Amino acid sequence: MCHFCKVVKGIRSNRVKELRLMRNWSQSKLEKLTGIKRGKISEQENHKTPIQDDDAERYAVAFEITANELFKM
C-alpha cells in the first residue's frame, strides 16, 4: 500500500472514532445506527480494515454529516 493510501486510511479511521467519542457513543450504538458490525467498526478504527465508500456513507448518515465532512482534513 502506498504511503498516501495509508495516510488517507488513517484519517478516515481516526475521524470516525473522533466523531463517535465526541457523541459519547459506544461502538455498539454506532453498530445499531449504521448496521456495521461492532467488530468491523473496531477493526476500522484500529486501522486493520479500510473504510470503504459504502461504510463511509453509513457513518455520514449516522453522524448527520456529509461524506465530505466525514473526511475533512
PDB file of N, CA and C in Angstrom:
ATOM      1  N   MET A   1       0.858  -1.181   0.000  1.00  0.00           N
ATOM      2  CA  MET A   1       0.000   0.000   0.000  1.00  0.00           C
ATOM      3  C   MET A   1       0.901   1.239   0.000  1.00  0.00           C
ATOM      4  N   CYS A   2       0.552   2.203  -0.832  1.00  0.00           N
ATOM      5  CA  CYS A   2       1.360   3.414  -0.917  1.00  0.00           C
ATOM      6  C   CYS A   2       1.208   4.259   0.353  1.00  0.00           C
ATOM      7  N   HIS A   3       2.161   5.134   0.579  1.00  0.00           N
ATOM      8  CA  HIS A   3       2.151   5.971   1.784  1.00  0.00           C
ATOM      9  C   HIS A   3       0.892   6.829   1.848  1.00  0.00           C
ATOM     10  N   PHE A   4       0.519   7.452   0.716  1.00  0.00           N
ATOM     11  CA  PHE A   4      -0.674   8.306   0.689  1.00  0.00           C
ATOM     12  C   PHE A   4      -1.919   7.509   1.058  1.00  0.00           C
ATOM     13  N   CYS A   5      -2.022   6.288   0.535  1.00  0.00           N
ATOM     14  CA  CYS A   5      -3.186   5.439   0.840  1.00  0.00           C
ATOM     15  C   CYS A   5      -3.257   5.133   2.334  1.00  0.00           C
ATOM     16  N   LYS A   6      -2.116   4.884   2.955  1.00  0.00           N
ATOM     17  CA  LYS A   6      -2.076   4.635   4.395  1.00  0.00           C
ATOM     18  C   LYS A   6      -2.520   5.860   5.176  1.00  0.00           C
ATOM     19  N   VAL A   7      -2.093   7.030   4.732  1.00  0.00           N
ATOM     20  CA  VAL A   7      -2.472   8.272   5.410  1.00  0.00           C
ATOM     21  C   VAL A   7      -3.975   8.481   5.318  1.00  0.00           C
ATOM     22  N   VAL A   8      -4.538   8.324   4.126  1.00  0.00           N
ATOM     23  CA  VAL A   8      -5.984   8.509   3.937  1.00  0.00           C
ATOM     24  C   VAL A   8      -6.747   7.493   4.769  1.00  0.00           C
ATOM     25  N   LYS A   9      -6.309   6.258   4.777  1.00  0.00           N
ATOM     26  CA  LYS A   9      -6.958   5.208   5.571  1.00  0.00           C
ATOM     27  C   LYS A   9      -6.962   5.600   7.044  1.00  0.00           C
ATOM     28  N   GLY A  10      -5.846   6.113   7.541  1.00  0.00           N
ATOM     29  CA  GLY A  10      -5.749   6.530   8.934  1.00  0.00           C
ATOM     30  C   GLY A  10      -6.641   7.706   9.252  1.00  0.00           C
ATOM     31  N   ILE A  11      -6.726   8.664   8.336  1.00  0.00           N
ATOM     32  CA  ILE A  11      -7.588   9.834   8.552  1.00  0.00           C
ATOM     33  C   ILE A  11      -9.036   9.397   8.663  1.00  0.00           C
ATOM     34  N   ARG A  12      -9.469   8.541   7.765  1.00  0.00           N
ATOM     35  CA  ARG A  12     -10.850   8.054   7.806  1.00  0.00           C
ATOM     36  C   ARG A  12     -11.139   7.375   9.141  1.00  0.00           C
ATOM     37  N   SER A  13     -10.249   6.476   9.544  1.00  0.00           N
ATOM     38  CA  SER A  13     -10.455   5.725  10.778  1.00  0.00           C
ATOM     39  C   SER A  13     -10.465   6.635  11.989  1.00  0.00           C
ATOM     40  N   ASN A  14      -9.500   7.554  12.048  1.00  0.00           N
ATOM     41  CA  ASN A  14      -9.413   8.456  13.193  1.00  0.00           C
ATOM     42  C   ASN A  14     -10.629   9.364  13.275  1.00  0.00           C
ATOM     43  N   ARG A  15     -11.138   9.799  12.150  1.00  0.00           N
ATOM     44  CA  ARG A  15     -12.288  10.708  12.126  1.00  0.00           C
ATOM     45  C   ARG A  15     -13.545  10.006  12.639  1.00  0.00           C
ATOM     46  N   VAL A  16     -13.751   8.767  12.242  1.00  0.00           N
ATOM     47  CA  VAL A  16     -14.911   8.019  12.725  1.00  0.00           C
ATOM     48  C   VAL A  16     -14.834   7.874  14.238  1.00  0.00           C
ATOM     49  N   LYS A  17     -13.687   7.491  14.736  1.00  0.00           N
ATOM     50  CA  LYS A  17     -13.530   7.329  16.186  1.00  0.00           C
ATOM     51  C   LYS A  17     -13.712   8.660  16.899  1.00  0.00           C
ATOM     52  N   GLU A  18     -13.136   9.720  16.351  1.00  0.00           N
ATOM     53  CA  GLU A  18     -13.253  11.050  16.945  1.00  0.00           C
ATOM     54  C   GLU A  18     -14.724  11.472  17.039  1.00  0.00           C
ATOM     55  N   LEU A  19     -15.463  11.320  15.959  1.00  0.00           N
ATOM     56  CA  LEU A  19     -16.873  11.712  15.961  1.00  0.00           C
ATOM     57  C   LEU A  19     -17.693  10.844  16.919  1.00  0.00           C
ATOM     58  N   ARG A  20     -17.374   9.560  16.957  1.00  0.00           N
ATOM     59  CA  ARG A  20     -18.094   8.650  17.864  1.00  0.00           C
ATOM     60  C   ARG A  20     -17.854   9.042  19.316  1.00  0.00           C
ATOM     61  N   LEU A  21     -16.613   9.314  19.666  1.00  0.00           N
ATOM     62  CA  LEU A  21     -16.288   9.664  21.050  1.00  0.00           C
ATOM     63  C   LEU A  21     -16.844  11.032  21.438  1.00  0.00           C
ATOM     64  N   MET A  22     -16.867  11.976  20.480  1.00  0.00           N
ATOM     65  CA  MET A  22     -17.435  13.302  20.755  1.00  0.00           C
ATOM     66  C   MET A  22     -18.914  13.198  21.142  1.00  0.00           C
ATOM     67  N   ARG A  23     -19.580  12.187  20.619  1.00  0.00           N
ATOM     68  CA  ARG A  23     -21.006  11.985  20.913  1.00  0.00           C
ATOM     69  C   ARG A  23     -21.227  11.026  22.084  1.00  0.00           C
ATOM     70  N   ASN A  24     -20.132  10.573  22.680  1.00  0.00           N
ATOM     71  CA  ASN A  24     -20.193   9.595  23.775  1.00  0.00           C
ATOM     72  C   ASN A  24     -20.945   8.337  23.365  1.00  0.00           C
ATOM     73  N   TRP A  25     -20.729   7.909  22.129  1.00  0.00           N
ATOM     74  CA  TRP A  25     -21.351   6.695  21.612  1.00  0.00           C
ATOM     75  C   TRP A  25     -20.403   5.523  21.771  1.00  0.00           C
ATOM     76  N   SER A  26     -20.935   4.398  22.114  1.00  0.00           N
ATOM     77  CA  SER A  26     -20.157   3.165  22.113  1.00  0.00           C
ATOM     78  C   SER A  26     -20.128   2.623  20.677  1.00  0.00           C
ATOM     79  N   GLN A  27     -19.245   1.688  20.454  1.00  0.00           N
ATOM     80  CA  GLN A  27     -19.230   1.031  19.146  1.00  0.00           C
ATOM     81  C   GLN A  27     -20.537   0.275  18.927  1.00  0.00           C
ATOM     82  N   SER A  28     -21.127  -0.237  19.988  1.00  0.00           N
ATOM     83  CA  SER A  28     -22.410  -0.940  19.874  1.00  0.00           C
ATOM     84  C   SER A  28     -23.515  -0.002  19.411  1.00  0.00           C
ATOM     85  N   LYS A  29     -23.517   1.228  19.929  1.00  0.00           N
ATOM     86  CA  LYS A  29     -24.522   2.201  19.490  1.00  0.00           C
ATOM     87  C   LYS A  29     -24.313   2.539  18.023  1.00  0.00           C
ATOM     88  N   LEU A  30     -23.057   2.734  17.632  1.00  0.00           N
ATOM     89  CA  LEU A  30     -22.769   3.042  16.239  1.00  0.00           C
ATOM     90  C   LEU A  30     -23.173   1.874  15.339  1.00  0.00           C
ATOM     91  N   GLU A  31     -23.007   0.666  15.830  1.00  0.00           N
ATOM     92  CA  GLU A  31     -23.452  -0.521  15.090  1.00  0.00           C
ATOM     93  C   GLU A  31     -24.958  -0.459  14.838  1.00  0.00           C
ATOM     94  N   LYS A  32     -25.714  -0.111  15.859  1.00  0.00           N
ATOM     95  CA  LYS A  32     -27.176  -0.025  15.717  1.00  0.00           C
ATOM     96  C   LYS A  32     -27.584   1.065  14.733  1.00  0.00           C
ATOM     97  N   LEU A  33     -26.838   2.168  14.724  1.00  0.00           N
ATOM     98  CA  LEU A  33     -27.173   3.287  13.850  1.00  0.00           C
ATOM     99  C   LEU A  33     -26.761   3.068  12.399  1.00  0.00           C
ATOM    100  N   THR A  34     -25.712   2.281  12.189  1.00  0.00           N
ATOM    101  CA  THR A  34     -25.175   2.117  10.835  1.00  0.00           C
ATOM    102  C   THR A  34     -25.443   0.751  10.214  1.00  0.00           C
ATOM    103  N   GLY A  35     -25.652  -0.248  11.055  1.00  0.00           N
ATOM    104  CA  GLY A  35     -25.766  -1.609  10.545  1.00  0.00           C
ATOM    105  C   GLY A  35     -24.412  -2.251  10.285  1.00  0.00           C
ATOM    106  N   ILE A  36     -23.346  -1.547  10.645  1.00  0.00           N
ATOM    107  CA  ILE A  36     -21.987  -2.085  10.502  1.00  0.00           C
ATOM    108  C   ILE A  36     -21.654  -2.821  11.797  1.00  0.00           C
ATOM    109  N   LYS A  37     -21.211  -4.063  11.678  1.00  0.00           N
ATOM    110  CA  LYS A  37     -20.913  -4.875  12.862  1.00  0.00           C
ATOM    111  C   LYS A  37     -19.862  -4.203  13.738  1.00  0.00           C
ATOM    112  N   ARG A  38     -20.048  -4.329  15.060  1.00  0.00           N
ATOM    113  CA  ARG A  38     -19.139  -3.705  16.018  1.00  0.00           C
ATOM    114  C   ARG A  38     -17.698  -4.137  15.784  1.00  0.00           C
ATOM    115  N   GLY A  39     -17.486  -5.399  15.493  1.00  0.00           N
ATOM    116  CA  GLY A  39     -16.135  -5.895  15.238  1.00  0.00           C
ATOM    117  C   GLY A  39     -15.478  -5.206  14.060  1.00  0.00           C
ATOM    118  N   LYS A  40     -16.265  -4.944  13.011  1.00  0.00           N
ATOM    119  CA  LYS A  40     -15.736  -4.244  11.834  1.00  0.00           C
ATOM    120  C   LYS A  40     -15.434  -2.791  12.169  1.00  0.00           C
ATOM    121  N   ILE A  41     -16.302  -2.165  12.972  1.00  0.00           N
ATOM    122  CA  ILE A  41     -16.048  -0.786  13.409  1.00  0.00           C
ATOM    123  C   ILE A  41     -14.716  -0.732  14.154  1.00  0.00           C
ATOM    124  N   SER A  42     -14.513  -1.672  15.058  1.00  0.00           N
ATOM    125  CA  SER A  42     -13.267  -1.724  15.824  1.00  0.00           C
ATOM    126  C   SER A  42     -12.066  -1.895  14.904  1.00  0.00           C
ATOM    127  N   GLU A  43     -12.173  -2.800  13.952  1.00  0.00           N
ATOM    128  CA  GLU A  43     -11.070  -3.025  13.016  1.00  0.00           C
ATOM    129  C   GLU A  43     -10.782  -1.769  12.193  1.00  0.00           C
ATOM    130  N   GLN A  44     -11.841  -1.070  11.783  1.00  0.00           N
ATOM    131  CA  GLN A  44     -11.653   0.154  11.012  1.00  0.00           C
ATOM    132  C   GLN A  44     -11.017   1.247  11.865  1.00  0.00           C
ATOM    133  N   GLU A  45     -11.486   1.394  13.083  1.00  0.00           N
ATOM    134  CA  GLU A  45     -10.923   2.425  13.965  1.00  0.00           C
ATOM    135  C   GLU A  45      -9.469   2.143  14.324  1.00  0.00           C
ATOM    136  N   ASN A  46      -9.086   0.883  14.307  1.00  0.00           N
ATOM    137  CA  ASN A  46      -7.718   0.500  14.660  1.00  0.00           C
ATOM    138  C   ASN A  46      -6.852   0.234  13.433  1.00  0.00           C
ATOM    139  N   HIS A  47      -7.308   0.722  12.281  1.00  0.00           N
ATOM    140  CA  HIS A  47      -6.538   0.679  11.035  1.00  0.00           C
ATOM    141  C   HIS A  47      -6.251  -0.732  10.542  1.00  0.00           C
ATOM    142  N   LYS A  48      -7.067  -1.697  10.931  1.00  0.00           N
ATOM    143  CA  LYS A  48      -6.867  -3.073  10.470  1.00  0.00           C
ATOM    144  C   LYS A  48      -7.672  -3.357   9.210  1.00  0.00           C
ATOM    145  N   THR A  49      -8.743  -2.621   9.014  1.00  0.00           N
ATOM    146  CA  THR A  49      -9.612  -2.774   7.847  1.00  0.00           C
ATOM    147  C   THR A  49      -9.911  -1.390   7.298  1.00  0.00           C
ATOM    148  N   PRO A  50      -9.751  -1.176   6.003  1.00  0.00           N
ATOM    149  CA  PRO A  50     -10.050   0.141   5.444  1.00  0.00           C
ATOM    150  C   PRO A  50     -11.551   0.423   5.450  1.00  0.00           C
ATOM    151  N   ILE A  51     -11.900   1.684   5.511  1.00  0.00           N
ATOM    152  CA  ILE A  51     -13.305   2.085   5.444  1.00  0.00           C
ATOM    153  C   ILE A  51     -13.652   2.280   3.973  1.00  0.00           C
ATOM    154  N   GLN A  52     -14.521   1.433   3.481  1.00  0.00           N
ATOM    155  CA  GLN A  52     -14.962   1.521   2.099  1.00  0.00           C
ATOM    156  C   GLN A  52     -16.021   2.613   1.970  1.00  0.00           C
ATOM    157  N   ASP A  53     -16.267   3.029   0.741  1.00  0.00           N
ATOM    158  CA  ASP A  53     -17.194   4.125   0.491  1.00  0.00           C
ATOM    159  C   ASP A  53     -18.602   3.852   1.013  1.00  0.00           C
ATOM    160  N   ASP A  54     -19.082   2.607   0.901  1.00  0.00           N
ATOM    161  CA  ASP A  54     -20.438   2.318   1.382  1.00  0.00           C
ATOM    162  C   ASP A  54     -20.525   2.453   2.899  1.00  0.00           C
ATOM    163  N   ASP A  55     -19.480   2.047   3.615  1.00  0.00           N
ATOM    164  CA  ASP A  55     -19.454   2.234   5.075  1.00  0.00           C
ATOM    165  C   ASP A  55     -19.350   3.718   5.413  1.00  0.00           C
ATOM    166  N   ALA A  56     -18.582   4.455   4.626  1.00  0.00           N
ATOM    167  CA  ALA A  56     -18.432   5.893   4.855  1.00  0.00           C
ATOM    168  C   ALA A  56     -19.791   6.586   4.759  1.00  0.00           C
ATOM    169  N   GLU A  57     -20.587   6.183   3.800  1.00  0.00           N
ATOM    170  CA  GLU A  57     -21.928   6.767   3.653  1.00  0.00           C
ATOM    171  C   GLU A  57     -22.791   6.455   4.871  1.00  0.00           C
ATOM    172  N   ARG A  58     -22.692   5.242   5.375  1.00  0.00           N
ATOM    173  CA  ARG A  58     -23.461   4.857   6.574  1.00  0.00           C
ATOM    174  C   ARG A  58     -23.028   5.673   7.791  1.00  0.00           C
ATOM    175  N   TYR A  59     -21.713   5.857   7.935  1.00  0.00           N
ATOM    176  CA  TYR A  59     -21.221   6.669   9.046  1.00  0.00           C
ATOM    177  C   TYR A  59     -21.711   8.109   8.921  1.00  0.00           C
ATOM    178  N   ALA A  60     -21.640   8.652   7.719  1.00  0.00           N
ATOM    179  CA  ALA A  60     -22.067  10.037   7.500  1.00  0.00           C
ATOM    180  C   ALA A  60     -23.534  10.218   7.875  1.00  0.00           C
ATOM    181  N   VAL A  61     -24.375   9.279   7.490  1.00  0.00           N
ATOM    182  CA  VAL A  61     -25.803   9.354   7.837  1.00  0.00           C
ATOM    183  C   VAL A  61     -25.975   9.300   9.355  1.00  0.00           C
ATOM    184  N   ALA A  62     -25.270   8.397  10.013  1.00  0.00           N
ATOM    185  CA  ALA A  62     -25.387   8.261  11.468  1.00  0.00           C
ATOM    186  C   ALA A  62     -24.934   9.539  12.187  1.00  0.00           C
ATOM    187  N   PHE A  63     -23.860  10.148  11.690  1.00  0.00           N
ATOM    188  CA  PHE A  63     -23.338  11.364  12.320  1.00  0.00           C
ATOM    189  C   PHE A  63     -24.051  12.624  11.834  1.00  0.00           C
ATOM    190  N   GLU A  64     -24.967  12.447  10.888  1.00  0.00           N
ATOM    191  CA  GLU A  64     -25.732  13.558  10.307  1.00  0.00           C
ATOM    192  C   GLU A  64     -24.818  14.611   9.698  1.00  0.00           C
ATOM    193  N   ILE A  65     -23.859  14.132   8.911  1.00  0.00           N
ATOM    194  CA  ILE A  65     -22.938  14.997   8.183  1.00  0.00           C
ATOM    195  C   ILE A  65     -22.797  14.425   6.773  1.00  0.00           C
ATOM    196  N   THR A  66     -22.136  15.172   5.901  1.00  0.00           N
ATOM    197  CA  THR A  66     -21.870  14.656   4.566  1.00  0.00           C
ATOM    198  C   THR A  66     -20.613  13.788   4.600  1.00  0.00           C
ATOM    199  N   ALA A  67     -20.473  12.974   3.566  1.00  0.00           N
ATOM    200  CA  ALA A  67     -19.263  12.154   3.473  1.00  0.00           C
ATOM    201  C   ALA A  67     -18.021  13.045   3.374  1.00  0.00           C
ATOM    202  N   ASN A  68     -18.143  14.180   2.688  1.00  0.00           N
ATOM    203  CA  ASN A  68     -17.010  15.115   2.614  1.00  0.00           C
ATOM    204  C   ASN A  68     -16.620  15.631   3.985  1.00  0.00           C
ATOM    205  N   GLU A  69     -17.604  15.934   4.818  1.00  0.00           N
ATOM    206  CA  GLU A  69     -17.302  16.404   6.183  1.00  0.00           C
ATOM    207  C   GLU A  69     -16.672  15.297   7.013  1.00  0.00           C
ATOM    208  N   LEU A  70     -17.073  14.079   6.749  1.00  0.00           N
ATOM    209  CA  LEU A  70     -16.509  12.935   7.478  1.00  0.00           C
ATOM    210  C   LEU A  70     -15.004  12.844   7.252  1.00  0.00           C
ATOM    211  N   PHE A  71     -14.559  13.195   6.060  1.00  0.00           N
ATOM    212  CA  PHE A  71     -13.153  13.024   5.727  1.00  0.00           C
ATOM    213  C   PHE A  71     -12.389  14.315   5.568  1.00  0.00           C
ATOM    214  N   LYS A  72     -12.932  15.414   6.113  1.00  0.00           N
ATOM    215  CA  LYS A  72     -12.195  16.665   6.007  1.00  0.00           C
ATOM    216  C   LYS A  72     -10.858  16.531   6.720  1.00  0.00           C
ATOM    217  N   MET A  73      -9.887  17.223   6.209  1.00  0.00           N
ATOM    218  CA  MET A  73      -8.544  17.134   6.795  1.00  0.00           C
ATOM    219  C   MET A  73      -8.251  18.350   7.634  1.00  0.00           C
TER     220      MET A  73
END
